[in-house]
Amino acid sequence: MPKEKTKNLFLILSKEWYDKINSGEKQSEYRSTSKYYASKFEGREYETVEFQLGYSKKYPRLKFIVKTISKTKEKNDLNEEEVWEIKLGHRVLYTLDKFNDITMKKDNNEFFENMGCLP
């Protein structure tokens, strides 16, 4: 059965994981193999993943290309035997707040490097 194409996956992160992804230290995000995440990931294919720091709509967001989403038994942040791994590609959006977002272009990273947004 072909996978359902879904444009964007939206996930909330705590400050620790948001900061590590923002700095480039963390290249994958992990989620448990619960029924909830199985329903989000199985049979679906995402183009991008958007991370928001906390639950307020005014908090900053990061958006990345999704390389893959698959189950893994490799070492992970959750310290669980098996988890979903979302491998991140390049960053495509850095949002300062909901009223002031900046779209990143692959060929114009100088601005973002000067802002400290790129690793």
C-alpha atoms as a PDB file:
ATOM      1  CA  MET A   1       0.000   0.000   0.000  1.00  0.00           C
ATOM      2  CA  PRO A   2       1.464   3.424  -0.944  1.00  0.00           C
ATOM      3  CA  LYS A   3       2.254   5.846   1.847  1.00  0.00           C
ATOM      4  CA  GLU A   4      -0.003   8.842   2.388  1.00  0.00           C
ATOM      5  CA  LYS A   5       1.889  12.045   1.526  1.00  0.00           C
ATOM      6  CA  THR A   6       1.620  14.570   4.338  1.00  0.00           C
ATOM      7  CA  LYS A   7       3.413  17.865   4.033  1.00  0.00           C
ATOM      8  CA  ASN A   8       4.388  18.806   7.605  1.00  0.00           C
ATOM      9  CA  LEU A   9       4.784  17.006  10.933  1.00  0.00           C
ATOM     10  CA  PHE A  10       4.361  19.288  13.963  1.00  0.00           C
ATOM     11  CA  LEU A  11       6.008  18.409  17.297  1.00  0.00           C
ATOM     12  CA  ILE A  12       6.459  20.187  20.634  1.00  0.00           C
ATOM     13  CA  LEU A  13       9.898  20.090  22.272  1.00  0.00           C
ATOM     14  CA  SER A  14      11.227  20.982  25.709  1.00  0.00           C
ATOM     15  CA  LYS A  15      13.965  23.620  25.882  1.00  0.00           C
ATOM     16  CA  GLU A  16      16.797  21.072  26.252  1.00  0.00           C
ATOM     17  CA  TRP A  17      15.966  19.215  23.005  1.00  0.00           C
ATOM     18  CA  TYR A  18      14.947  22.371  21.111  1.00  0.00           C
ATOM     19  CA  ASP A  19      18.315  23.990  21.902  1.00  0.00           C
ATOM     20  CA  LYS A  20      20.260  20.865  20.859  1.00  0.00           C
ATOM     21  CA  ILE A  21      18.428  20.650  17.534  1.00  0.00           C
ATOM     22  CA  ASN A  22      18.790  24.406  16.991  1.00  0.00           C
ATOM     23  CA  SER A  23      22.560  24.241  17.576  1.00  0.00           C
ATOM     24  CA  GLY A  24      22.980  21.227  15.272  1.00  0.00           C
ATOM     25  CA  GLU A  25      24.178  19.001  18.127  1.00  0.00           C
ATOM     26  CA  LYS A  26      21.139  16.754  17.692  1.00  0.00           C
ATOM     27  CA  GLN A  27      20.418  15.398  14.175  1.00  0.00           C
ATOM     28  CA  SER A  28      17.493  13.103  15.046  1.00  0.00           C
ATOM     29  CA  GLU A  29      14.367  13.356  17.175  1.00  0.00           C
ATOM     30  CA  TYR A  30      13.010  10.285  18.938  1.00  0.00           C
ATOM     31  CA  ARG A  31       9.461   9.325  19.872  1.00  0.00           C
ATOM     32  CA  SER A  32       8.119   6.280  21.693  1.00  0.00           C
ATOM     33  CA  THR A  33       6.579   3.364  19.827  1.00  0.00           C
ATOM     34  CA  SER A  34       3.183   4.061  21.389  1.00  0.00           C
ATOM     35  CA  LYS A  35      -0.078   3.585  19.480  1.00  0.00           C
ATOM     36  CA  TYR A  36      -0.325   7.373  19.205  1.00  0.00           C
ATOM     37  CA  TYR A  37       2.955   7.709  17.287  1.00  0.00           C
ATOM     38  CA  ALA A  38       2.290   4.553  15.283  1.00  0.00           C
ATOM     39  CA  SER A  39      -0.879   6.270  14.013  1.00  0.00           C
ATOM     40  CA  LYS A  40       1.142   9.374  13.085  1.00  0.00           C
ATOM     41  CA  PHE A  41       4.034   7.588  11.364  1.00  0.00           C
ATOM     42  CA  GLU A  42       2.886   4.249   9.913  1.00  0.00           C
ATOM     43  CA  GLY A  43       1.713   4.551   6.326  1.00  0.00           C
ATOM     44  CA  ARG A  44       2.629   8.250   6.140  1.00  0.00           C
ATOM     45  CA  GLU A  45       5.477  10.136   4.573  1.00  0.00           C
ATOM     46  CA  TYR A  46       6.365  13.658   5.733  1.00  0.00           C
ATOM     47  CA  GLU A  47       8.286  16.267   3.742  1.00  0.00           C
ATOM     48  CA  THR A  48       9.111  18.483   6.738  1.00  0.00           C
ATOM     49  CA  VAL A  49       9.025  18.494  10.532  1.00  0.00           C
ATOM     50  CA  GLU A  50       8.349  21.644  12.515  1.00  0.00           C
ATOM     51  CA  PHE A  51       9.479  21.870  16.134  1.00  0.00           C
ATOM     52  CA  GLN A  52       8.004  24.375  18.554  1.00  0.00           C
ATOM     53  CA  LEU A  53       9.584  25.277  21.882  1.00  0.00           C
ATOM     54  CA  GLY A  54       6.830  24.632  24.433  1.00  0.00           C
ATOM     55  CA  TYR A  55       3.087  24.940  24.038  1.00  0.00           C
ATOM     56  CA  SER A  56       2.487  28.669  23.516  1.00  0.00           C
ATOM     57  CA  LYS A  57       1.758  29.687  19.915  1.00  0.00           C
ATOM     58  CA  LYS A  58       4.114  32.646  20.307  1.00  0.00           C
ATOM     59  CA  TYR A  59       7.151  30.460  21.068  1.00  0.00           C
ATOM     60  CA  PRO A  60       9.873  30.014  18.419  1.00  0.00           C
ATOM     61  CA  ARG A  61       9.836  27.242  15.832  1.00  0.00           C
ATOM     62  CA  LEU A  62      12.343  25.375  13.696  1.00  0.00           C
ATOM     63  CA  LYS A  63      11.521  23.538  10.480  1.00  0.00           C
ATOM     64  CA  PHE A  64      13.628  20.840   8.808  1.00  0.00           C
ATOM     65  CA  ILE A  65      13.432  18.552   5.817  1.00  0.00           C
ATOM     66  CA  VAL A  66      12.649  14.990   6.949  1.00  0.00           C
ATOM     67  CA  LYS A  67      15.199  12.485   5.663  1.00  0.00           C
ATOM     68  CA  THR A  68      13.472   9.413   7.103  1.00  0.00           C
ATOM     69  CA  ILE A  69      11.112   8.288   9.845  1.00  0.00           C
ATOM     70  CA  SER A  70      11.624   4.705  10.949  1.00  0.00           C
ATOM     71  CA  LYS A  71      11.810   2.462  13.985  1.00  0.00           C
ATOM     72  CA  THR A  72      15.249   1.858  15.439  1.00  0.00           C
ATOM     73  CA  LYS A  73      16.813  -0.147  18.241  1.00  0.00           C
ATOM     74  CA  GLU A  74      19.910   2.073  18.304  1.00  0.00           C
ATOM     75  CA  LYS A  75      20.867   4.125  21.371  1.00  0.00           C
ATOM     76  CA  ASN A  76      18.428   7.008  21.798  1.00  0.00           C
ATOM     77  CA  ASP A  77      17.476   9.966  24.018  1.00  0.00           C
ATOM     78  CA  LEU A  78      14.504   8.111  25.488  1.00  0.00           C
ATOM     79  CA  ASN A  79      16.641   5.175  26.642  1.00  0.00           C
ATOM     80  CA  GLU A  80      14.002   2.802  25.292  1.00  0.00           C
ATOM     81  CA  GLU A  81      14.720  -0.471  23.510  1.00  0.00           C
ATOM     82  CA  GLU A  82      12.876   0.559  20.335  1.00  0.00           C
ATOM     83  CA  VAL A  83      11.782   4.059  19.257  1.00  0.00           C
ATOM     84  CA  TRP A  84      10.724   6.047  16.226  1.00  0.00           C
ATOM     85  CA  GLU A  85      13.652   8.044  14.807  1.00  0.00           C
ATOM     86  CA  ILE A  86      13.053  11.173  12.750  1.00  0.00           C
ATOM     87  CA  LYS A  87      16.297  11.907  10.870  1.00  0.00           C
ATOM     88  CA  LEU A  88      16.632  15.587  10.073  1.00  0.00           C
ATOM     89  CA  GLY A  89      17.832  17.109   6.816  1.00  0.00           C
ATOM     90  CA  HIS A  90      18.659  20.782   6.335  1.00  0.00           C
ATOM     91  CA  ARG A  91      16.809  23.576   8.104  1.00  0.00           C
ATOM     92  CA  VAL A  92      14.220  25.380   6.001  1.00  0.00           C
ATOM     93  CA  LEU A  93      12.678  27.787   8.518  1.00  0.00           C
ATOM     94  CA  TYR A  94      13.732  29.699  11.585  1.00  0.00           C
ATOM     95  CA  THR A  95      10.830  31.488  13.247  1.00  0.00           C
ATOM     96  CA  LEU A  96      11.468  34.236  15.748  1.00  0.00           C
ATOM     97  CA  ASP A  97       7.784  34.438  16.655  1.00  0.00           C
ATOM     98  CA  LYS A  98       4.456  33.874  14.966  1.00  0.00           C
ATOM     99  CA  PHE A  99       4.471  37.363  13.414  1.00  0.00           C
ATOM    100  CA  ASN A 100       8.081  37.467  12.258  1.00  0.00           C
ATOM    101  CA  ASP A 101       9.259  34.377  10.423  1.00  0.00           C
ATOM    102  CA  ILE A 102      12.252  34.130   8.162  1.00  0.00           C
ATOM    103  CA  THR A 103      12.497  31.583   5.373  1.00  0.00           C
ATOM    104  CA  MET A 104      15.958  30.147   4.880  1.00  0.00           C
ATOM    105  CA  LYS A 105      17.335  29.698   1.388  1.00  0.00           C
ATOM    106  CA  LYS A 106      19.974  27.039   0.829  1.00  0.00           C
ATOM    107  CA  ASP A 107      22.211  29.474  -1.063  1.00  0.00           C
ATOM    108  CA  ASN A 108      21.930  32.368   1.416  1.00  0.00           C
ATOM    109  CA  ASN A 109      23.070  31.127   4.831  1.00  0.00           C
ATOM    110  CA  GLU A 110      25.289  34.122   5.714  1.00  0.00           C
ATOM    111  CA  PHE A 111      22.419  36.000   7.364  1.00  0.00           C
ATOM    112  CA  PHE A 112      21.532  33.009   9.538  1.00  0.00           C
ATOM    113  CA  GLU A 113      25.153  32.343  10.486  1.00  0.00           C
ATOM    114  CA  ASN A 114      25.444  35.959  11.667  1.00  0.00           C
ATOM    115  CA  MET A 115      22.296  35.530  13.779  1.00  0.00           C
ATOM    116  CA  GLY A 116      23.741  32.366  15.339  1.00  0.00           C
ATOM    117  CA  CYS A 117      20.955  30.236  13.889  1.00  0.00           C
ATOM    118  CA  LEU A 118      23.186  27.763  12.082  1.00  0.00           C
ATOM    119  CA  PRO A 119      25.593  25.306  13.672  1.00  0.00           C
END
